[in-house]
Amino acid sequence: MEHTSIKRAFENAKNRENTDDASIYMIFQRLALCFNDIYYLLIGNKEQVAKAIEKCYEQTEQNKKEDWDSDEIRALETPFDTHCEGICITRGIKKCNYHDKKDKCASKWFHHEFKSQNEMQEYINTIPSRLEHPFVRFEIWNMTEHGLFKQK
């Protein structure tokens, strides 16, 4: 749970619910990846989220091993993977240490935080169906402490 957006979500949930065991509601979105828009849903308290993130990393690493010859090997990443965009050089800021394991300045994922499961569901309802866009796929995955599970 080292990622900035996760820390911020728990701080906001703690302030909102006034408890240390608050749950967060997040969607991680990656657009236009091989004609796919991918959404990862994450719900839970600190313990559940930590396990879900760990499982996400495990499954992603396994997929990299199994799909090593894939043209889209770069697509096999978690919503928490970040990279140095290089824009800091043009702004005179110290460049990200690429070998550092902490957050870098860029990600291919959008992170959305919600106040409740109902608010999250309202957002999910805005995702187009395959019937509306037959040539584009919209994949929704649940990120759980038992692994990643694709919604049907």
Protein backbone atom coordinates (compact mmCIF):
# COMPACT_ATOMS: atom_id res chain seq x y z
CA MET A 1 0.00 0.00 0.00
CA GLU A 2 2.90 2.30 -0.64
CA HIS A 3 1.23 4.00 -3.57
CA THR A 4 0.26 7.63 -3.07
CA SER A 5 -3.33 7.24 -4.26
CA ILE A 6 -3.96 4.35 -1.84
CA LYS A 7 -2.54 6.30 1.10
CA ARG A 8 -4.66 9.32 0.19
CA ALA A 9 -7.80 7.17 -0.18
CA PHE A 10 -7.34 5.71 3.31
CA GLU A 11 -6.72 9.15 4.81
CA ASN A 12 -9.92 10.43 3.18
CA ALA A 13 -11.91 7.37 4.28
CA LYS A 14 -10.61 7.67 7.85
CA ASN A 15 -11.64 11.35 7.97
CA ARG A 16 -15.03 10.59 6.41
CA GLU A 17 -15.90 7.57 8.58
CA ASN A 18 -13.96 8.65 11.68
CA THR A 19 -12.51 5.17 12.20
CA ASP A 20 -9.14 3.51 11.66
CA ASP A 21 -10.79 0.51 9.95
CA ALA A 22 -12.38 2.52 7.14
CA SER A 23 -12.86 0.97 3.70
CA ILE A 24 -11.85 2.52 0.40
CA TYR A 25 -13.64 2.35 -2.95
CA MET A 26 -11.42 2.81 -6.00
CA ILE A 27 -11.40 2.18 -9.72
CA PHE A 28 -8.19 2.06 -11.72
CA GLN A 29 -8.71 2.75 -15.41
CA ARG A 30 -6.41 2.17 -18.40
CA LEU A 31 -7.73 3.40 -21.73
CA ALA A 32 -7.15 2.29 -25.31
CA LEU A 33 -4.83 -0.62 -24.73
CA CYS A 34 -5.06 -2.87 -27.80
CA PHE A 35 -8.67 -1.86 -28.34
CA ASN A 36 -9.37 -2.48 -24.65
CA ASP A 37 -10.38 -0.18 -21.86
CA ILE A 38 -9.53 -1.94 -18.61
CA TYR A 39 -11.01 -1.18 -15.19
CA TYR A 40 -9.78 -2.67 -11.89
CA LEU A 41 -12.14 -2.31 -8.91
CA LEU A 42 -10.71 -2.25 -5.40
CA ILE A 43 -12.84 -2.24 -2.25
CA GLY A 44 -11.79 -2.96 1.30
CA ASN A 45 -10.09 -2.04 4.54
CA LYS A 46 -6.30 -1.82 4.91
CA GLU A 47 -5.81 -5.55 5.41
CA GLN A 48 -8.04 -6.54 2.48
CA VAL A 49 -6.48 -3.95 0.18
CA ALA A 50 -2.93 -5.00 1.09
CA LYS A 51 -3.74 -8.62 0.24
CA ALA A 52 -5.53 -7.62 -2.99
CA ILE A 53 -2.58 -5.54 -4.16
CA GLU A 54 -0.18 -8.36 -3.32
CA LYS A 55 -2.29 -10.81 -5.35
CA CYS A 56 -2.48 -8.34 -8.24
CA TYR A 57 1.32 -8.13 -8.35
CA GLU A 58 1.63 -11.93 -8.12
CA GLN A 59 -0.82 -12.55 -10.97
CA THR A 60 0.75 -9.85 -13.14
CA GLU A 61 4.21 -11.34 -12.67
CA GLN A 62 2.86 -14.80 -13.50
CA ASN A 63 1.21 -13.43 -16.64
CA LYS A 64 4.53 -11.90 -17.70
CA LYS A 65 6.17 -15.32 -17.44
CA GLU A 66 3.38 -17.10 -19.30
CA ASP A 67 3.04 -14.44 -22.02
CA TRP A 68 6.75 -13.65 -22.43
CA ASP A 69 6.49 -13.60 -26.23
CA SER A 70 3.44 -11.38 -26.34
CA ASP A 71 3.61 -8.19 -28.39
CA GLU A 72 1.83 -6.54 -25.51
CA ILE A 73 4.23 -7.54 -22.74
CA ARG A 74 4.35 -3.86 -21.81
CA ALA A 75 0.63 -4.04 -21.14
CA LEU A 76 1.15 -6.53 -18.35
CA GLU A 77 1.40 -4.16 -15.43
CA THR A 78 -0.47 -3.21 -12.31
CA PRO A 79 -2.30 0.07 -11.72
CA PHE A 80 0.47 0.95 -9.28
CA ASP A 81 3.37 0.71 -11.73
CA THR A 82 4.85 4.10 -12.51
CA HIS A 83 7.62 5.35 -14.74
CA CYS A 84 9.69 8.46 -15.31
CA GLU A 85 8.06 10.59 -17.98
CA GLY A 86 11.16 12.74 -18.42
CA ILE A 87 9.18 15.97 -18.35
CA CYS A 88 10.90 17.00 -15.13
CA ILE A 89 14.12 17.57 -17.10
CA THR A 90 12.48 20.33 -19.11
CA ARG A 91 11.21 21.98 -15.93
CA GLY A 92 14.59 21.94 -14.22
CA ILE A 93 13.48 19.48 -11.55
CA LYS A 94 15.62 16.57 -10.45
CA LYS A 95 14.86 13.57 -12.66
CA CYS A 96 13.23 10.49 -11.12
CA ASN A 97 15.66 7.80 -10.05
CA TYR A 98 14.54 5.06 -12.44
CA HIS A 99 15.92 2.32 -10.23
CA ASP A 100 14.14 3.63 -7.17
CA LYS A 101 11.10 1.51 -6.33
CA LYS A 102 8.99 4.45 -5.16
CA ASP A 103 6.35 6.30 -7.15
CA LYS A 104 7.62 7.98 -10.30
CA CYS A 105 6.04 10.93 -12.05
CA ALA A 106 3.82 9.09 -14.55
CA SER A 107 1.43 6.17 -14.91
CA LYS A 108 -0.70 4.81 -17.71
CA TRP A 109 -3.56 4.32 -15.25
CA PHE A 110 -6.15 6.78 -13.97
CA HIS A 111 -7.04 6.38 -10.29
CA HIS A 112 -10.60 7.21 -9.21
CA GLU A 113 -11.63 7.36 -5.56
CA PHE A 114 -15.24 7.12 -4.39
CA LYS A 115 -16.96 7.82 -1.07
CA SER A 116 -19.20 4.75 -1.15
CA GLN A 117 -19.97 1.58 -3.05
CA ASN A 118 -23.11 3.23 -4.44
CA GLU A 119 -21.10 6.14 -5.83
CA MET A 120 -18.67 3.64 -7.35
CA GLN A 121 -21.54 1.69 -8.94
CA GLU A 122 -22.89 4.87 -10.52
CA TYR A 123 -19.52 5.32 -12.22
CA ILE A 124 -19.45 1.68 -13.35
CA ASN A 125 -22.88 2.17 -14.93
CA THR A 126 -21.36 4.82 -17.22
CA ILE A 127 -18.96 2.30 -18.79
CA PRO A 128 -20.31 1.45 -22.26
CA SER A 129 -21.35 -2.11 -22.95
CA ARG A 130 -19.91 -4.30 -25.68
CA LEU A 131 -23.21 -4.00 -27.51
CA GLU A 132 -22.80 -0.24 -27.80
CA HIS A 133 -19.21 -0.56 -29.04
CA PRO A 134 -18.73 -3.94 -30.76
CA PHE A 135 -15.12 -3.27 -31.86
CA VAL A 136 -13.88 -2.07 -28.50
CA ARG A 137 -13.72 -4.19 -25.39
CA PHE A 138 -14.42 -2.89 -21.94
CA GLU A 139 -13.01 -5.22 -19.29
CA ILE A 140 -13.92 -4.85 -15.65
CA TRP A 141 -11.87 -6.79 -13.12
CA ASN A 142 -12.36 -7.13 -9.37
CA MET A 143 -9.10 -6.82 -7.47
CA THR A 144 -9.59 -9.01 -4.38
CA GLU A 145 -7.49 -10.65 -1.71
CA HIS A 146 -8.01 -13.91 -3.67
CA GLY A 147 -6.79 -12.49 -6.99
CA LEU A 148 -8.10 -10.72 -10.06
CA PHE A 149 -11.54 -11.80 -11.30
CA LYS A 150 -13.10 -10.62 -14.53
CA GLN A 151 -16.71 -9.47 -14.38
CA LYS A 152 -19.03 -10.85 -17.00
